[in-house]
């Protein structure tokens, strides 16, 4: 959570808007969050990474893999002038058909 600003905004794939570093930390440490599952392995898809046009953010697709399920998300990070994350948007990516 130290990579986020104190007043950071996290928009989750479920449509929740969380405000503040403490709320971000609670979200990522919640037992139901895939990152807390045993065997969790994030797999960034580096070929999807891009710097946003204003050069104050990046976007990348990530596969959140656990032994039971893979979830594909697109993470958008927006930074302040000190390089801390001021906003993160997590978007669910539709599976390939």
PDB file of N, CA and C in Angstrom:
ATOM      1  N   UNK A   1       0.822  -1.205   0.000  1.00  0.00           N
ATOM      2  CA  UNK A   1       0.000   0.000   0.000  1.00  0.00           C
ATOM      3  C   UNK A   1       0.862   1.264   0.000  1.00  0.00           C
ATOM      4  N   UNK A   2       2.123   1.138   0.332  1.00  0.00           N
ATOM      5  CA  UNK A   2       2.977   2.324   0.393  1.00  0.00           C
ATOM      6  C   UNK A   2       3.247   2.913  -0.989  1.00  0.00           C
ATOM      7  N   UNK A   3       2.911   2.209  -2.049  1.00  0.00           N
ATOM      8  CA  UNK A   3       3.086   2.742  -3.400  1.00  0.00           C
ATOM      9  C   UNK A   3       1.908   3.614  -3.817  1.00  0.00           C
ATOM     10  N   UNK A   4       0.892   3.711  -2.962  1.00  0.00           N
ATOM     11  CA  UNK A   4      -0.297   4.531  -3.224  1.00  0.00           C
ATOM     12  C   UNK A   4      -0.234   5.827  -2.419  1.00  0.00           C
ATOM     13  N   UNK A   5      -0.824   6.898  -2.958  1.00  0.00           N
ATOM     14  CA  UNK A   5      -0.929   8.149  -2.202  1.00  0.00           C
ATOM     15  C   UNK A   5      -1.912   7.952  -1.045  1.00  0.00           C
ATOM     16  N   UNK A   6      -1.843   8.830  -0.048  1.00  0.00           N
ATOM     17  CA  UNK A   6      -2.767   8.739   1.087  1.00  0.00           C
ATOM     18  C   UNK A   6      -4.224   8.869   0.648  1.00  0.00           C
ATOM     19  N   UNK A   7      -4.476   9.647  -0.413  1.00  0.00           N
ATOM     20  CA  UNK A   7      -5.851   9.862  -0.879  1.00  0.00           C
ATOM     21  C   UNK A   7      -6.143   9.107  -2.180  1.00  0.00           C
ATOM     22  N   UNK A   8      -5.433   8.010  -2.395  1.00  0.00           N
ATOM     23  CA  UNK A   8      -5.579   7.231  -3.626  1.00  0.00           C
ATOM     24  C   UNK A   8      -7.015   6.767  -3.835  1.00  0.00           C
ATOM     25  N   UNK A   9      -7.354   6.590  -5.107  1.00  0.00           N
ATOM     26  CA  UNK A   9      -8.658   6.052  -5.489  1.00  0.00           C
ATOM     27  C   UNK A   9      -8.423   4.720  -6.188  1.00  0.00           C
ATOM     28  N   UNK A  10      -9.161   3.701  -5.760  1.00  0.00           N
ATOM     29  CA  UNK A  10      -9.121   2.389  -6.394  1.00  0.00           C
ATOM     30  C   UNK A  10     -10.521   2.072  -6.883  1.00  0.00           C
ATOM     31  N   UNK A  11     -10.667   1.943  -8.196  1.00  0.00           N
ATOM     32  CA  UNK A  11     -11.932   1.528  -8.805  1.00  0.00           C
ATOM     33  C   UNK A  11     -11.806   0.045  -9.130  1.00  0.00           C
ATOM     34  N   UNK A  12     -12.608  -0.779  -8.447  1.00  0.00           N
ATOM     35  CA  UNK A  12     -12.473  -2.228  -8.588  1.00  0.00           C
ATOM     36  C   UNK A  12     -13.281  -2.739  -9.779  1.00  0.00           C
ATOM     37  N   UNK A  13     -12.979  -3.959 -10.186  1.00  0.00           N
ATOM     38  CA  UNK A  13     -13.706  -4.598 -11.284  1.00  0.00           C
ATOM     39  C   UNK A  13     -15.169  -4.821 -10.923  1.00  0.00           C
ATOM     40  N   UNK A  14     -15.488  -4.842  -9.637  1.00  0.00           N
ATOM     41  CA  UNK A  14     -16.871  -5.027  -9.182  1.00  0.00           C
ATOM     42  C   UNK A  14     -17.644  -3.713  -9.135  1.00  0.00           C
ATOM     43  N   UNK A  15     -16.984  -2.609  -9.505  1.00  0.00           N
ATOM     44  CA  UNK A  15     -17.656  -1.323  -9.530  1.00  0.00           C
ATOM     45  C   UNK A  15     -17.567  -0.534  -8.237  1.00  0.00           C
ATOM     46  N   UNK A  16     -16.778  -1.007  -7.302  1.00  0.00           N
ATOM     47  CA  UNK A  16     -16.593  -0.271  -6.047  1.00  0.00           C
ATOM     48  C   UNK A  16     -15.564   0.831  -6.235  1.00  0.00           C
ATOM     49  N   UNK A  17     -15.789   1.965  -5.578  1.00  0.00           N
ATOM     50  CA  UNK A  17     -14.809   3.045  -5.546  1.00  0.00           C
ATOM     51  C   UNK A  17     -14.304   3.148  -4.116  1.00  0.00           C
ATOM     52  N   UNK A  18     -13.031   2.838  -3.932  1.00  0.00           N
ATOM     53  CA  UNK A  18     -12.418   2.894  -2.618  1.00  0.00           C
ATOM     54  C   UNK A  18     -11.490   4.102  -2.576  1.00  0.00           C
ATOM     55  N   UNK A  19     -11.523   4.824  -1.464  1.00  0.00           N
ATOM     56  CA  UNK A  19     -10.731   6.043  -1.350  1.00  0.00           C
ATOM     57  C   UNK A  19      -9.810   5.938  -0.138  1.00  0.00           C
ATOM     58  N   UNK A  20      -8.533   6.214  -0.365  1.00  0.00           N
ATOM     59  CA  UNK A  20      -7.549   6.237   0.719  1.00  0.00           C
ATOM     60  C   UNK A  20      -6.672   5.003   0.732  1.00  0.00           C
ATOM     61  N   UNK A  21      -5.436   5.223   1.168  1.00  0.00           N
ATOM     62  CA  UNK A  21      -4.459   4.128   1.223  1.00  0.00           C
ATOM     63  C   UNK A  21      -4.936   2.981   2.105  1.00  0.00           C
ATOM     64  N   UNK A  22      -5.596   3.288   3.220  1.00  0.00           N
ATOM     65  CA  UNK A  22      -6.082   2.229   4.113  1.00  0.00           C
ATOM     66  C   UNK A  22      -7.126   1.360   3.416  1.00  0.00           C
ATOM     67  N   UNK A  23      -8.024   1.983   2.644  1.00  0.00           N
ATOM     68  CA  UNK A  23      -9.049   1.220   1.921  1.00  0.00           C
ATOM     69  C   UNK A  23      -8.411   0.339   0.852  1.00  0.00           C
ATOM     70  N   UNK A  24      -7.381   0.848   0.190  1.00  0.00           N
ATOM     71  CA  UNK A  24      -6.667   0.059  -0.816  1.00  0.00           C
ATOM     72  C   UNK A  24      -6.018  -1.153  -0.148  1.00  0.00           C
ATOM     73  N   UNK A  25      -5.389  -0.928   0.987  1.00  0.00           N
ATOM     74  CA  UNK A  25      -4.738  -2.033   1.700  1.00  0.00           C
ATOM     75  C   UNK A  25      -5.756  -3.084   2.134  1.00  0.00           C
ATOM     76  N   UNK A  26      -6.906  -2.653   2.646  1.00  0.00           N
ATOM     77  CA  UNK A  26      -7.951  -3.608   3.049  1.00  0.00           C
ATOM     78  C   UNK A  26      -8.429  -4.428   1.847  1.00  0.00           C
ATOM     79  N   UNK A  27      -8.597  -3.767   0.703  1.00  0.00           N
ATOM     80  CA  UNK A  27      -9.055  -4.472  -0.492  1.00  0.00           C
ATOM     81  C   UNK A  27      -8.069  -5.573  -0.890  1.00  0.00           C
ATOM     82  N   UNK A  28      -6.784  -5.228  -0.966  1.00  0.00           N
ATOM     83  CA  UNK A  28      -5.801  -6.203  -1.425  1.00  0.00           C
ATOM     84  C   UNK A  28      -5.512  -7.291  -0.398  1.00  0.00           C
ATOM     85  N   UNK A  29      -5.813  -7.051   0.869  1.00  0.00           N
ATOM     86  CA  UNK A  29      -5.556  -8.070   1.891  1.00  0.00           C
ATOM     87  C   UNK A  29      -6.795  -8.876   2.259  1.00  0.00           C
ATOM     88  N   UNK A  30      -7.937  -8.585   1.634  1.00  0.00           N
ATOM     89  CA  UNK A  30      -9.174  -9.321   1.932  1.00  0.00           C
ATOM     90  C   UNK A  30      -9.031 -10.792   1.550  1.00  0.00           C
ATOM     91  N   UNK A  31      -9.553 -11.668   2.391  1.00  0.00           N
ATOM     92  CA  UNK A  31      -9.433 -13.111   2.171  1.00  0.00           C
ATOM     93  C   UNK A  31     -10.013 -13.547   0.832  1.00  0.00           C
ATOM     94  N   UNK A  32     -11.059 -12.870   0.344  1.00  0.00           N
ATOM     95  CA  UNK A  32     -11.693 -13.269  -0.918  1.00  0.00           C
ATOM     96  C   UNK A  32     -10.919 -12.777  -2.148  1.00  0.00           C
ATOM     97  N   UNK A  33      -9.974 -11.894  -1.967  1.00  0.00           N
ATOM     98  CA  UNK A  33      -9.212 -11.355  -3.085  1.00  0.00           C
ATOM     99  C   UNK A  33      -8.295 -12.437  -3.655  1.00  0.00           C
ATOM    100  N   UNK A  34      -8.253 -12.585  -4.978  1.00  0.00           N
ATOM    101  CA  UNK A  34      -7.387 -13.615  -5.572  1.00  0.00           C
ATOM    102  C   UNK A  34      -5.934 -13.524  -5.129  1.00  0.00           C
ATOM    103  N   UNK A  35      -5.437 -12.323  -4.849  1.00  0.00           N
ATOM    104  CA  UNK A  35      -4.030 -12.200  -4.454  1.00  0.00           C
ATOM    105  C   UNK A  35      -3.748 -12.840  -3.099  1.00  0.00           C
ATOM    106  N   UNK A  36      -4.772 -13.126  -2.328  1.00  0.00           N
ATOM    107  CA  UNK A  36      -4.587 -13.749  -1.023  1.00  0.00           C
ATOM    108  C   UNK A  36      -4.779 -15.264  -1.068  1.00  0.00           C
ATOM    109  N   UNK A  37      -5.109 -15.815  -2.221  1.00  0.00           N
ATOM    110  CA  UNK A  37      -5.344 -17.249  -2.349  1.00  0.00           C
ATOM    111  C   UNK A  37      -4.020 -18.009  -2.398  1.00  0.00           C
ATOM    112  N   UNK A  38      -3.981 -19.190  -1.782  1.00  0.00           N
ATOM    113  CA  UNK A  38      -2.754 -20.004  -1.883  1.00  0.00           C
ATOM    114  C   UNK A  38      -2.472 -20.322  -3.355  1.00  0.00           C
ATOM    115  N   UNK A  39      -1.240 -20.253  -3.726  1.00  0.00           N
ATOM    116  CA  UNK A  39      -0.858 -20.563  -5.098  1.00  0.00           C
ATOM    117  C   UNK A  39      -1.097 -19.438  -6.088  1.00  0.00           C
ATOM    118  N   UNK A  40      -1.438 -18.245  -5.590  1.00  0.00           N
ATOM    119  CA  UNK A  40      -1.695 -17.124  -6.482  1.00  0.00           C
ATOM    120  C   UNK A  40      -0.429 -16.744  -7.249  1.00  0.00           C
ATOM    121  N   UNK A  41      -0.597 -16.576  -8.557  1.00  0.00           N
ATOM    122  CA  UNK A  41       0.515 -16.144  -9.395  1.00  0.00           C
ATOM    123  C   UNK A  41      -0.010 -15.100 -10.386  1.00  0.00           C
ATOM    124  N   UNK A  42       0.388 -13.818 -10.239  1.00  0.00           N
ATOM    125  CA  UNK A  42      -0.014 -12.833 -11.251  1.00  0.00           C
ATOM    126  C   UNK A  42       0.852 -13.018 -12.491  1.00  0.00           C
ATOM    127  N   UNK A  43       0.206 -12.992 -13.640  1.00  0.00           N
ATOM    128  CA  UNK A  43       0.939 -13.162 -14.896  1.00  0.00           C
ATOM    129  C   UNK A  43       0.705 -11.939 -15.778  1.00  0.00           C
ATOM    130  N   UNK A  44       1.579 -10.947 -15.680  1.00  0.00           N
ATOM    131  CA  UNK A  44       1.427  -9.769 -16.549  1.00  0.00           C
ATOM    132  C   UNK A  44       1.585 -10.183 -18.012  1.00  0.00           C
ATOM    133  N   UNK A  45       0.760  -9.625 -18.855  1.00  0.00           N
ATOM    134  CA  UNK A  45       0.876  -9.842 -20.288  1.00  0.00           C
ATOM    135  C   UNK A  45       1.618  -8.633 -20.847  1.00  0.00           C
ATOM    136  N   UNK A  46       2.942  -8.725 -20.827  1.00  0.00           N
ATOM    137  CA  UNK A  46       3.812  -7.586 -21.120  1.00  0.00           C
ATOM    138  C   UNK A  46       3.563  -6.987 -22.493  1.00  0.00           C
ATOM    139  N   UNK A  47       3.103  -7.806 -23.454  1.00  0.00           N
ATOM    140  CA  UNK A  47       2.860  -7.267 -24.793  1.00  0.00           C
ATOM    141  C   UNK A  47       1.661  -6.326 -24.832  1.00  0.00           C
ATOM    142  N   UNK A  48       0.876  -6.277 -23.759  1.00  0.00           N
ATOM    143  CA  UNK A  48      -0.270  -5.357 -23.696  1.00  0.00           C
ATOM    144  C   UNK A  48       0.060  -4.064 -22.961  1.00  0.00           C
ATOM    145  N   UNK A  49       1.238  -3.990 -22.355  1.00  0.00           N
ATOM    146  CA  UNK A  49       1.605  -2.816 -21.550  1.00  0.00           C
ATOM    147  C   UNK A  49       1.777  -1.584 -22.439  1.00  0.00           C
ATOM    148  N   UNK A  50       1.271  -0.468 -21.948  1.00  0.00           N
ATOM    149  CA  UNK A  50       1.450   0.781 -22.693  1.00  0.00           C
ATOM    150  C   UNK A  50       1.464   1.964 -21.722  1.00  0.00           C
ATOM    151  N   UNK A  51       2.165   2.991 -22.136  1.00  0.00           N
ATOM    152  CA  UNK A  51       2.168   4.256 -21.410  1.00  0.00           C
ATOM    153  C   UNK A  51       0.996   5.071 -21.943  1.00  0.00           C
ATOM    154  N   UNK A  52       0.222   5.649 -21.043  1.00  0.00           N
ATOM    155  CA  UNK A  52      -0.929   6.435 -21.459  1.00  0.00           C
ATOM    156  C   UNK A  52      -0.470   7.736 -22.113  1.00  0.00           C
ATOM    157  N   UNK A  53      -1.300   8.294 -22.999  1.00  0.00           N
ATOM    158  CA  UNK A  53      -0.883   9.470 -23.773  1.00  0.00           C
ATOM    159  C   UNK A  53      -0.348  10.634 -22.950  1.00  0.00           C
ATOM    160  N   UNK A  54      -0.892  10.840 -21.739  1.00  0.00           N
ATOM    161  CA  UNK A  54      -0.408  11.979 -20.934  1.00  0.00           C
ATOM    162  C   UNK A  54       0.896  11.667 -20.198  1.00  0.00           C
ATOM    163  N   UNK A  55       1.375  10.440 -20.358  1.00  0.00           N
ATOM    164  CA  UNK A  55       2.620   9.971 -19.747  1.00  0.00           C
ATOM    165  C   UNK A  55       2.583   9.957 -18.218  1.00  0.00           C
ATOM    166  N   UNK A  56       1.393  10.026 -17.640  1.00  0.00           N
ATOM    167  CA  UNK A  56       1.244   9.962 -16.184  1.00  0.00           C
ATOM    168  C   UNK A  56       0.593   8.656 -15.750  1.00  0.00           C
ATOM    169  N   UNK A  57       0.589   7.683 -16.639  1.00  0.00           N
ATOM    170  CA  UNK A  57      -0.027   6.414 -16.290  1.00  0.00           C
ATOM    171  C   UNK A  57       0.386   5.301 -17.234  1.00  0.00           C
ATOM    172  N   UNK A  58       0.087   4.081 -16.803  1.00  0.00           N
ATOM    173  CA  UNK A  58       0.339   2.898 -17.613  1.00  0.00           C
ATOM    174  C   UNK A  58      -0.865   1.970 -17.513  1.00  0.00           C
ATOM    175  N   UNK A  59      -1.003   1.128 -18.528  1.00  0.00           N
ATOM    176  CA  UNK A  59      -2.054   0.115 -18.524  1.00  0.00           C
ATOM    177  C   UNK A  59      -1.430  -1.208 -18.928  1.00  0.00           C
ATOM    178  N   UNK A  60      -1.938  -2.286 -18.345  1.00  0.00           N
ATOM    179  CA  UNK A  60      -1.444  -3.621 -18.671  1.00  0.00           C
ATOM    180  C   UNK A  60      -2.520  -4.640 -18.342  1.00  0.00           C
ATOM    181  N   UNK A  61      -2.589  -5.703 -19.147  1.00  0.00           N
ATOM    182  CA  UNK A  61      -3.472  -6.812 -18.819  1.00  0.00           C
ATOM    183  C   UNK A  61      -2.702  -7.807 -17.968  1.00  0.00           C
ATOM    184  N   UNK A  62      -3.406  -8.368 -16.988  1.00  0.00           N
ATOM    185  CA  UNK A  62      -2.797  -9.318 -16.069  1.00  0.00           C
ATOM    186  C   UNK A  62      -3.746 -10.499 -15.910  1.00  0.00           C
ATOM    187  N   UNK A  63      -3.190 -11.703 -15.935  1.00  0.00           N
ATOM    188  CA  UNK A  63      -3.977 -12.885 -15.615  1.00  0.00           C
ATOM    189  C   UNK A  63      -3.700 -13.210 -14.151  1.00  0.00           C
ATOM    190  N   UNK A  64      -4.765 -13.221 -13.356  1.00  0.00           N
ATOM    191  CA  UNK A  64      -4.660 -13.568 -11.935  1.00  0.00           C
ATOM    192  C   UNK A  64      -4.936 -15.063 -11.832  1.00  0.00           C
ATOM    193  N   UNK A  65      -3.891 -15.831 -11.625  1.00  0.00           N
ATOM    194  CA  UNK A  65      -4.018 -17.291 -11.637  1.00  0.00           C
ATOM    195  C   UNK A  65      -3.970 -17.864 -10.233  1.00  0.00           C
ATOM    196  N   UNK A  66      -4.954 -18.695  -9.940  1.00  0.00           N
ATOM    197  CA  UNK A  66      -4.956 -19.509  -8.731  1.00  0.00           C
ATOM    198  C   UNK A  66      -5.090 -20.953  -9.203  1.00  0.00           C
ATOM    199  N   UNK A  67      -4.893 -21.923  -8.329  1.00  0.00           N
ATOM    200  CA  UNK A  67      -5.042 -23.314  -8.765  1.00  0.00           C
ATOM    201  C   UNK A  67      -6.432 -23.633  -9.330  1.00  0.00           C
ATOM    202  N   UNK A  68      -7.452 -22.854  -8.950  1.00  0.00           N
ATOM    203  CA  UNK A  68      -8.812 -23.189  -9.389  1.00  0.00           C
ATOM    204  C   UNK A  68      -9.369 -22.309 -10.502  1.00  0.00           C
ATOM    205  N   UNK A  69      -8.790 -21.133 -10.748  1.00  0.00           N
ATOM    206  CA  UNK A  69      -9.386 -20.221 -11.728  1.00  0.00           C
ATOM    207  C   UNK A  69      -8.349 -19.215 -12.237  1.00  0.00           C
ATOM    208  N   UNK A  70      -8.540 -18.794 -13.466  1.00  0.00           N
ATOM    209  CA  UNK A  70      -7.767 -17.680 -14.024  1.00  0.00           C
ATOM    210  C   UNK A  70      -8.734 -16.538 -14.287  1.00  0.00           C
ATOM    211  N   UNK A  71      -8.377 -15.358 -13.820  1.00  0.00           N
ATOM    212  CA  UNK A  71      -9.180 -14.158 -14.043  1.00  0.00           C
ATOM    213  C   UNK A  71      -8.309 -13.168 -14.796  1.00  0.00           C
ATOM    214  N   UNK A  72      -8.805 -12.660 -15.906  1.00  0.00           N
ATOM    215  CA  UNK A  72      -8.044 -11.676 -16.687  1.00  0.00           C
ATOM    216  C   UNK A  72      -8.584 -10.285 -16.376  1.00  0.00           C
ATOM    217  N   UNK A  73      -7.658  -9.386 -16.032  1.00  0.00           N
ATOM    218  CA  UNK A  73      -8.026  -8.005 -15.754  1.00  0.00           C
ATOM    219  C   UNK A  73      -7.112  -7.062 -16.528  1.00  0.00           C
ATOM    220  N   UNK A  74      -7.578  -5.847 -16.694  1.00  0.00           N
ATOM    221  CA  UNK A  74      -6.746  -4.771 -17.221  1.00  0.00           C
ATOM    222  C   UNK A  74      -6.562  -3.787 -16.077  1.00  0.00           C
ATOM    223  N   UNK A  75      -5.333  -3.563 -15.715  1.00  0.00           N
ATOM    224  CA  UNK A  75      -5.008  -2.618 -14.638  1.00  0.00           C
ATOM    225  C   UNK A  75      -4.516  -1.314 -15.253  1.00  0.00           C
ATOM    226  N   UNK A  76      -5.118  -0.220 -14.836  1.00  0.00           N
ATOM    227  CA  UNK A  76      -4.712   1.116 -15.266  1.00  0.00           C
ATOM    228  C   UNK A  76      -4.183   1.823 -14.030  1.00  0.00           C
ATOM    229  N   UNK A  77      -2.965   2.313 -14.101  1.00  0.00           N
ATOM    230  CA  UNK A  77      -2.323   3.012 -13.000  1.00  0.00           C
ATOM    231  C   UNK A  77      -2.084   4.462 -13.402  1.00  0.00           C
ATOM    232  N   UNK A  78      -2.435   5.383 -12.522  1.00  0.00           N
ATOM    233  CA  UNK A  78      -2.213   6.813 -12.749  1.00  0.00           C
ATOM    234  C   UNK A  78      -1.346   7.317 -11.600  1.00  0.00           C
ATOM    235  N   UNK A  79      -0.267   8.034 -11.924  1.00  0.00           N
ATOM    236  CA  UNK A  79       0.735   8.420 -10.940  1.00  0.00           C
ATOM    237  C   UNK A  79       0.735   9.919 -10.667  1.00  0.00           C
ATOM    238  N   UNK A  80       1.166  10.273  -9.460  1.00  0.00           N
ATOM    239  CA  UNK A  80       1.371  11.691  -9.152  1.00  0.00           C
ATOM    240  C   UNK A  80       2.801  12.071  -9.537  1.00  0.00           C
ATOM    241  N   UNK A  81       3.174  13.294  -9.306  1.00  0.00           N
ATOM    242  CA  UNK A  81       4.502  13.769  -9.707  1.00  0.00           C
ATOM    243  C   UNK A  81       5.634  13.104  -8.935  1.00  0.00           C
ATOM    244  N   UNK A  82       5.316  12.454  -7.815  1.00  0.00           N
ATOM    245  CA  UNK A  82       6.331  11.756  -7.025  1.00  0.00           C
ATOM    246  C   UNK A  82       6.428  10.275  -7.371  1.00  0.00           C
ATOM    247  N   UNK A  83       5.612   9.826  -8.341  1.00  0.00           N
ATOM    248  CA  UNK A  83       5.656   8.433  -8.772  1.00  0.00           C
ATOM    249  C   UNK A  83       4.776   7.489  -7.971  1.00  0.00           C
ATOM    250  N   UNK A  84       3.956   8.034  -7.059  1.00  0.00           N
ATOM    251  CA  UNK A  84       3.025   7.197  -6.300  1.00  0.00           C
ATOM    252  C   UNK A  84       1.731   7.034  -7.086  1.00  0.00           C
ATOM    253  N   UNK A  85       1.058   5.922  -6.867  1.00  0.00           N
ATOM    254  CA  UNK A  85      -0.205   5.657  -7.555  1.00  0.00           C
ATOM    255  C   UNK A  85      -1.287   6.517  -6.917  1.00  0.00           C
ATOM    256  N   UNK A  86      -1.893   7.393  -7.714  1.00  0.00           N
ATOM    257  CA  UNK A  86      -2.979   8.241  -7.206  1.00  0.00           C
ATOM    258  C   UNK A  86      -4.335   7.645  -7.549  1.00  0.00           C
ATOM    259  N   UNK A  87      -4.375   6.822  -8.613  1.00  0.00           N
ATOM    260  CA  UNK A  87      -5.617   6.133  -8.983  1.00  0.00           C
ATOM    261  C   UNK A  87      -5.263   4.833  -9.684  1.00  0.00           C
ATOM    262  N   UNK A  88      -6.030   3.797  -9.371  1.00  0.00           N
ATOM    263  CA  UNK A  88      -5.896   2.515 -10.056  1.00  0.00           C
ATOM    264  C   UNK A  88      -7.289   2.060 -10.442  1.00  0.00           C
ATOM    265  N   UNK A  89      -7.440   1.704 -11.702  1.00  0.00           N
ATOM    266  CA  UNK A  89      -8.695   1.150 -12.192  1.00  0.00           C
ATOM    267  C   UNK A  89      -8.450  -0.306 -12.567  1.00  0.00           C
ATOM    268  N   UNK A  90      -9.292  -1.190 -12.058  1.00  0.00           N
ATOM    269  CA  UNK A  90      -9.205  -2.609 -12.395  1.00  0.00           C
ATOM    270  C   UNK A  90     -10.438  -2.948 -13.221  1.00  0.00           C
ATOM    271  N   UNK A  91     -10.209  -3.382 -14.436  1.00  0.00           N
ATOM    272  CA  UNK A  91     -11.306  -3.711 -15.345  1.00  0.00           C
ATOM    273  C   UNK A  91     -11.266  -5.198 -15.665  1.00  0.00           C
ATOM    274  N   UNK A  92     -12.407  -5.844 -15.613  1.00  0.00           N
ATOM    275  CA  UNK A  92     -12.481  -7.263 -15.975  1.00  0.00           C
ATOM    276  C   UNK A  92     -12.422  -7.378 -17.484  1.00  0.00           C
ATOM    277  N   UNK A  93     -11.620  -8.270 -17.987  1.00  0.00           N
ATOM    278  CA  UNK A  93     -11.480  -8.490 -19.427  1.00  0.00           C
ATOM    279  C   UNK A  93     -12.270  -9.733 -19.791  1.00  0.00           C
ATOM    280  N   UNK A  94     -13.079  -9.622 -20.830  1.00  0.00           N
ATOM    281  CA  UNK A  94     -13.894 -10.754 -21.272  1.00  0.00           C
ATOM    282  C   UNK A  94     -12.990 -11.897 -21.748  1.00  0.00           C
ATOM    283  N   UNK A  95     -13.399 -13.135 -21.480  1.00  0.00           N
ATOM    284  CA  UNK A  95     -12.593 -14.266 -21.948  1.00  0.00           C
ATOM    285  C   UNK A  95     -12.603 -14.341 -23.470  1.00  0.00           C
ATOM    286  N   UNK A  96     -11.559 -14.922 -24.020  1.00  0.00           N
ATOM    287  CA  UNK A  96     -11.512 -15.137 -25.469  1.00  0.00           C
ATOM    288  C   UNK A  96     -12.575 -16.156 -25.864  1.00  0.00           C
ATOM    289  N   UNK A  97     -13.250 -15.892 -26.948  1.00  0.00           N
ATOM    290  CA  UNK A  97     -14.307 -16.805 -27.396  1.00  0.00           C
ATOM    291  C   UNK A  97     -13.845 -17.521 -28.641  1.00  0.00           C
TER     292      UNK A  97
END
